[in-house]
C-alpha atoms as a PDB file:
ATOM      1  CA  MET A   1      29.242  64.114-141.065  1.00  0.00           C
ATOM      2  CA  PRO A   2      30.160  63.861-144.775  1.00  0.00           C
ATOM      3  CA  ALA A   3      31.285  66.957-146.680  1.00  0.00           C
ATOM      4  CA  PRO A   4      28.225  68.793-148.011  1.00  0.00           C
ATOM      5  CA  LEU A   5      29.162  69.709-151.591  1.00  0.00           C
ATOM      6  CA  SER A   6      28.851  67.709-154.796  1.00  0.00           C
ATOM      7  CA  ILE A   7      30.445  69.347-157.825  1.00  0.00           C
ATOM      8  CA  ILE A   8      28.933  68.500-161.201  1.00  0.00           C
ATOM      9  CA  ILE A   9      30.887  69.266-164.377  1.00  0.00           C
ATOM     10  CA  PRO A  10      29.295  68.574-167.780  1.00  0.00           C
ATOM     11  CA  THR A  11      31.848  67.684-170.446  1.00  0.00           C
ATOM     12  CA  LEU A  12      32.202  66.939-174.119  1.00  0.00           C
ATOM     13  CA  ASN A  13      35.776  66.653-175.383  1.00  0.00           C
ATOM     14  CA  ALA A  14      36.987  68.873-172.552  1.00  0.00           C
ATOM     15  CA  ALA A  15      40.491  67.430-172.118  1.00  0.00           C
ATOM     16  CA  GLY A  16      42.096  70.796-172.798  1.00  0.00           C
ATOM     17  CA  ASP A  17      40.155  72.633-170.070  1.00  0.00           C
ATOM     18  CA  LEU A  18      39.283  70.013-167.471  1.00  0.00           C
ATOM     19  CA  PRO A  19      42.664  69.737-165.688  1.00  0.00           C
ATOM     20  CA  ASP A  20      42.716  73.451-164.789  1.00  0.00           C
ATOM     21  CA  CYS A  21      39.072  73.346-163.698  1.00  0.00           C
ATOM     22  CA  LEU A  22      39.730  70.360-161.428  1.00  0.00           C
ATOM     23  CA  GLN A  23      42.958  71.821-160.045  1.00  0.00           C
ATOM     24  CA  ALA A  24      41.084  74.967-158.998  1.00  0.00           C
ATOM     25  CA  LEU A  25      38.846  72.829-156.758  1.00  0.00           C
ATOM     26  CA  MET A  26      41.720  72.062-154.352  1.00  0.00           C
ATOM     27  CA  PRO A  27      40.803  74.805-151.824  1.00  0.00           C
ATOM     28  CA  GLY A  28      37.413  73.099-151.420  1.00  0.00           C
ATOM     29  CA  LEU A  29      39.094  69.778-150.649  1.00  0.00           C
ATOM     30  CA  GLU A  30      41.463  71.438-148.182  1.00  0.00           C
ATOM     31  CA  LEU A  31      38.514  73.114-146.438  1.00  0.00           C
ATOM     32  CA  GLY A  32      36.640  69.785-146.221  1.00  0.00           C
ATOM     33  CA  LEU A  33      33.810  71.163-148.324  1.00  0.00           C
ATOM     34  CA  ILE A  34      33.785  68.728-151.274  1.00  0.00           C
ATOM     35  CA  ARG A  35      32.100  65.368-150.926  1.00  0.00           C
ATOM     36  CA  GLU A  36      32.531  64.332-154.553  1.00  0.00           C
ATOM     37  CA  VAL A  37      33.237  65.569-158.050  1.00  0.00           C
ATOM     38  CA  ILE A  38      31.038  64.192-160.818  1.00  0.00           C
ATOM     39  CA  VAL A  39      32.033  64.576-164.454  1.00  0.00           C
ATOM     40  CA  SER A  40      28.883  64.068-166.519  1.00  0.00           C
ATOM     41  CA  ASP A  41      30.001  63.387-170.066  1.00  0.00           C
ATOM     42  CA  GLY A  42      28.130  63.518-173.344  1.00  0.00           C
ATOM     43  CA  GLY A  43      30.345  61.126-175.317  1.00  0.00           C
ATOM     44  CA  SER A  44      33.855  62.544-175.323  1.00  0.00           C
ATOM     45  CA  GLU A  45      36.313  61.108-177.827  1.00  0.00           C
ATOM     46  CA  ASP A  46      39.405  62.674-176.266  1.00  0.00           C
ATOM     47  CA  ALA A  47      41.206  62.174-172.946  1.00  0.00           C
ATOM     48  CA  THR A  48      38.337  63.560-170.835  1.00  0.00           C
ATOM     49  CA  PRO A  49      37.397  60.148-169.311  1.00  0.00           C
ATOM     50  CA  ARG A  50      41.025  59.404-168.392  1.00  0.00           C
ATOM     51  CA  ILE A  51      41.564  62.842-166.842  1.00  0.00           C
ATOM     52  CA  ALA A  52      38.415  62.513-164.752  1.00  0.00           C
ATOM     53  CA  GLY A  53      39.398  59.023-163.633  1.00  0.00           C
ATOM     54  CA  ASP A  54      42.967  60.015-162.795  1.00  0.00           C
ATOM     55  CA  THR A  55      41.672  62.670-160.385  1.00  0.00           C
ATOM     56  CA  GLY A  56      39.218  60.349-158.654  1.00  0.00           C
ATOM     57  CA  ALA A  57      36.118  62.028-160.049  1.00  0.00           C
ATOM     58  CA  THR A  58      33.034  59.944-160.684  1.00  0.00           C
ATOM     59  CA  PHE A  59      32.628  59.681-164.457  1.00  0.00           C
ATOM     60  CA  LEU A  60      29.128  59.350-165.912  1.00  0.00           C
ATOM     61  CA  THR A  61      28.399  58.858-169.594  1.00  0.00           C
ATOM     62  CA  GLY A  62      24.986  59.729-170.909  1.00  0.00           C
ATOM     63  CA  ALA A  63      23.040  61.653-173.482  1.00  0.00           C
ATOM     64  CA  LYS A  64      24.729  64.575-175.185  1.00  0.00           C
ATOM     65  CA  GLY A  65      23.301  67.951-174.185  1.00  0.00           C
ATOM     66  CA  ARG A  66      24.284  70.088-171.230  1.00  0.00           C
ATOM     67  CA  GLY A  67      20.824  70.118-169.623  1.00  0.00           C
ATOM     68  CA  ALA A  68      20.640  66.316-169.622  1.00  0.00           C
ATOM     69  CA  GLN A  69      24.236  66.014-168.407  1.00  0.00           C
ATOM     70  CA  LEU A  70      23.672  68.454-165.531  1.00  0.00           C
ATOM     71  CA  ALA A  71      20.466  66.673-164.516  1.00  0.00           C
ATOM     72  CA  ALA A  72      22.196  63.271-164.627  1.00  0.00           C
ATOM     73  CA  GLY A  73      25.017  64.581-162.466  1.00  0.00           C
ATOM     74  CA  ALA A  74      22.556  66.016-159.943  1.00  0.00           C
ATOM     75  CA  ASN A  75      20.677  62.692-159.815  1.00  0.00           C
ATOM     76  CA  ALA A  76      23.909  60.844-159.033  1.00  0.00           C
ATOM     77  CA  ALA A  77      25.125  63.408-156.484  1.00  0.00           C
ATOM     78  CA  ARG A  78      25.001  62.641-152.759  1.00  0.00           C
ATOM     79  CA  GLY A  79      25.715  66.101-151.359  1.00  0.00           C
ATOM     80  CA  ASP A  80      23.222  68.419-149.689  1.00  0.00           C
ATOM     81  CA  TRP A  81      24.649  71.205-151.858  1.00  0.00           C
ATOM     82  CA  LEU A  82      25.397  71.147-155.579  1.00  0.00           C
ATOM     83  CA  LEU A  83      27.870  73.248-157.541  1.00  0.00           C
ATOM     84  CA  PHE A  84      27.365  73.103-161.296  1.00  0.00           C
ATOM     85  CA  LEU A  85      30.521  74.165-163.049  1.00  0.00           C
ATOM     86  CA  HIS A  86      31.544  74.298-166.715  1.00  0.00           C
ATOM     87  CA  ALA A  87      34.786  72.505-167.568  1.00  0.00           C
ATOM     88  CA  ASP A  88      36.326  75.705-168.921  1.00  0.00           C
ATOM     89  CA  THR A  89      35.639  77.608-165.694  1.00  0.00           C
ATOM     90  CA  ILE A  90      38.449  78.103-163.207  1.00  0.00           C
ATOM     91  CA  LEU A  91      37.359  79.210-159.751  1.00  0.00           C
ATOM     92  CA  SER A  92      39.425  81.760-157.835  1.00  0.00           C
ATOM     93  CA  PRO A  93      41.601  80.539-154.931  1.00  0.00           C
ATOM     94  CA  ASP A  94      39.129  81.899-152.354  1.00  0.00           C
ATOM     95  CA  TRP A  95      36.034  80.299-153.887  1.00  0.00           C
ATOM     96  CA  ALA A  96      35.675  77.672-151.151  1.00  0.00           C
ATOM     97  CA  GLU A  97      35.560  80.238-148.340  1.00  0.00           C
ATOM     98  CA  ARG A  98      32.941  82.264-150.193  1.00  0.00           C
ATOM     99  CA  ALA A  99      30.886  79.163-150.974  1.00  0.00           C
ATOM    100  CA  ALA A 100      31.077  77.891-147.380  1.00  0.00           C
ATOM    101  CA  HIS A 101      29.983  81.283-146.064  1.00  0.00           C
ATOM    102  CA  HIS A 102      27.013  81.289-148.451  1.00  0.00           C
ATOM    103  CA  MET A 103      26.057  77.713-147.562  1.00  0.00           C
ATOM    104  CA  GLU A 104      26.092  78.503-143.831  1.00  0.00           C
ATOM    105  CA  ARG A 105      24.065  81.689-144.058  1.00  0.00           C
ATOM    106  CA  ARG A 106      21.900  81.621-147.203  1.00  0.00           C
ATOM    107  CA  ALA A 107      20.441  78.134-147.701  1.00  0.00           C
ATOM    108  CA  GLU A 108      17.275  79.718-149.110  1.00  0.00           C
ATOM    109  CA  ALA A 109      19.195  81.213-152.044  1.00  0.00           C
ATOM    110  CA  ALA A 110      21.369  79.930-154.844  1.00  0.00           C
ATOM    111  CA  ALA A 111      24.590  81.690-155.821  1.00  0.00           C
ATOM    112  CA  ALA A 112      26.719  82.306-158.894  1.00  0.00           C
ATOM    113  CA  PHE A 113      30.216  83.755-159.045  1.00  0.00           C
ATOM    114  CA  THR A 114      31.201  87.006-160.701  1.00  0.00           C
ATOM    115  CA  LEU A 115      32.720  86.499-164.130  1.00  0.00           C
ATOM    116  CA  LYS A 116      36.329  87.398-164.898  1.00  0.00           C
ATOM    117  CA  TYR A 117      38.240  86.330-167.981  1.00  0.00           C
ATOM    118  CA  ARG A 118      41.942  85.443-168.043  1.00  0.00           C
ATOM    119  CA  SER A 119      42.649  88.134-170.573  1.00  0.00           C
ATOM    120  CA  ASP A 120      43.885  91.695-170.494  1.00  0.00           C
ATOM    121  CA  ASP A 121      41.927  92.528-173.617  1.00  0.00           C
ATOM    122  CA  ARG A 122      39.571  95.483-173.326  1.00  0.00           C
ATOM    123  CA  ALA A 123      36.756  93.496-174.926  1.00  0.00           C
ATOM    124  CA  ALA A 124      37.062  90.896-172.148  1.00  0.00           C
ATOM    125  CA  ARG A 125      36.658  93.595-169.487  1.00  0.00           C
ATOM    126  CA  TRP A 126      33.576  94.927-171.306  1.00  0.00           C
ATOM    127  CA  LEU A 127      32.014  91.451-171.550  1.00  0.00           C
ATOM    128  CA  GLU A 128      32.727  90.729-167.870  1.00  0.00           C
ATOM    129  CA  ALA A 129      31.078  93.960-166.803  1.00  0.00           C
ATOM    130  CA  ARG A 130      28.070  93.242-169.004  1.00  0.00           C
ATOM    131  CA  ALA A 131      27.695  89.660-167.732  1.00  0.00           C
ATOM    132  CA  ASN A 132      28.031  90.678-164.082  1.00  0.00           C
ATOM    133  CA  ARG A 133      25.533  93.531-164.544  1.00  0.00           C
ATOM    134  CA  ARG A 134      23.105  91.090-166.199  1.00  0.00           C
ATOM    135  CA  ALA A 135      23.489  88.692-163.272  1.00  0.00           C
ATOM    136  CA  ARG A 136      23.074  91.407-160.656  1.00  0.00           C
ATOM    137  CA  ILE A 137      20.211  93.364-162.224  1.00  0.00           C
ATOM    138  CA  LEU A 138      18.237  90.626-163.975  1.00  0.00           C
ATOM    139  CA  GLY A 139      19.235  87.621-161.890  1.00  0.00           C
ATOM    140  CA  LEU A 140      20.491  85.844-165.027  1.00  0.00           C
ATOM    141  CA  PRO A 141      24.087  84.671-164.639  1.00  0.00           C
ATOM    142  CA  TYR A 142      25.763  82.774-167.434  1.00  0.00           C
ATOM    143  CA  GLY A 143      26.430  79.072-166.914  1.00  0.00           C
ATOM    144  CA  ASP A 144      30.135  79.977-166.938  1.00  0.00           C
ATOM    145  CA  GLN A 145      29.557  81.693-163.578  1.00  0.00           C
ATOM    146  CA  GLY A 146      28.715  78.402-161.892  1.00  0.00           C
ATOM    147  CA  LEU A 147      25.607  77.683-159.850  1.00  0.00           C
ATOM    148  CA  LEU A 148      25.800  76.840-156.146  1.00  0.00           C
ATOM    149  CA  ILE A 149      22.446  75.601-154.896  1.00  0.00           C
ATOM    150  CA  SER A 150      21.112  73.463-152.073  1.00  0.00           C
ATOM    151  CA  ARG A 151      19.629  70.165-153.179  1.00  0.00           C
ATOM    152  CA  LYS A 152      16.359  71.186-151.518  1.00  0.00           C
ATOM    153  CA  LEU A 153      16.107  74.378-153.596  1.00  0.00           C
ATOM    154  CA  TYR A 154      17.296  72.602-156.752  1.00  0.00           C
ATOM    155  CA  GLU A 155      14.481  70.074-156.420  1.00  0.00           C
ATOM    156  CA  ALA A 156      11.936  72.769-155.496  1.00  0.00           C
ATOM    157  CA  VAL A 157      12.556  74.625-158.784  1.00  0.00           C
ATOM    158  CA  GLY A 158      12.478  71.423-160.847  1.00  0.00           C
ATOM    159  CA  GLY A 159      16.202  71.108-161.547  1.00  0.00           C
ATOM    160  CA  PHE A 160      17.786  71.441-164.964  1.00  0.00           C
ATOM    161  CA  ALA A 161      15.595  70.901-167.995  1.00  0.00           C
ATOM    162  CA  ASP A 162      16.697  68.381-170.619  1.00  0.00           C
ATOM    163  CA  VAL A 163      17.401  71.003-173.264  1.00  0.00           C
ATOM    164  CA  PRO A 164      20.511  71.438-175.416  1.00  0.00           C
ATOM    165  CA  LEU A 165      20.905  75.189-174.755  1.00  0.00           C
ATOM    166  CA  MET A 166      19.760  77.874-172.334  1.00  0.00           C
ATOM    167  CA  GLU A 167      19.423  75.459-169.401  1.00  0.00           C
ATOM    168  CA  ASP A 168      21.208  78.066-167.265  1.00  0.00           C
ATOM    169  CA  VAL A 169      18.648  80.749-168.138  1.00  0.00           C
ATOM    170  CA  MET A 170      15.743  78.387-167.474  1.00  0.00           C
ATOM    171  CA  ILE A 171      16.897  77.477-163.967  1.00  0.00           C
ATOM    172  CA  ALA A 172      17.806  81.102-163.165  1.00  0.00           C
ATOM    173  CA  ARG A 173      14.300  82.183-164.161  1.00  0.00           C
ATOM    174  CA  ALA A 174      12.798  79.395-162.050  1.00  0.00           C
ATOM    175  CA  LEU A 175      14.840  80.637-159.082  1.00  0.00           C
ATOM    176  CA  GLY A 176      13.983  84.277-159.614  1.00  0.00           C
ATOM    177  CA  LYS A 177      16.201  87.236-158.824  1.00  0.00           C
ATOM    178  CA  LYS A 178      15.378  87.221-155.086  1.00  0.00           C
ATOM    179  CA  ARG A 179      16.734  83.677-154.659  1.00  0.00           C
ATOM    180  CA  LEU A 180      20.004  84.249-156.516  1.00  0.00           C
ATOM    181  CA  VAL A 181      23.083  85.855-154.970  1.00  0.00           C
ATOM    182  CA  LEU A 182      26.264  86.914-156.785  1.00  0.00           C
ATOM    183  CA  LEU A 183      29.486  85.900-154.994  1.00  0.00           C
ATOM    184  CA  SER A 184      32.722  87.750-155.678  1.00  0.00           C
END
């Protein structure tokens, strides 16, 4: 049986962030969780296409706009589960175990990860706490927190809208708080 997870990363001139994002996916490969990585690009003019190609990711070029890029990536994906991830997001080393556990036990719900910045600044801690509280209480995680969702649920809520901003809020609202779990 093929690995269940397709990872979709929207990009636009993301050469500075993409290598770290892709490197952080290694635990998912080691666990046999990742079927494919799709980089859905909005017209990068930097090394983003080369970086994606060098790592074996599928590289799609399409309309600029994160909503359209996420939707295009989902349409091309072959996995039963989808993980939408921003190029400047670096998952923790234990992300794959947490995702696999969720996928095995909570197919009826989507999940986002708690937010933590790579900074010791007090303002970063405040923003993390605020974002995680927002996700927990309102069911509205930021796109930077990733979105792990079964293809079945993704299609049931209508997927990502072709909008330039707030696509993460729109899909979170379509899911509703009861169908969204926050993973550590």
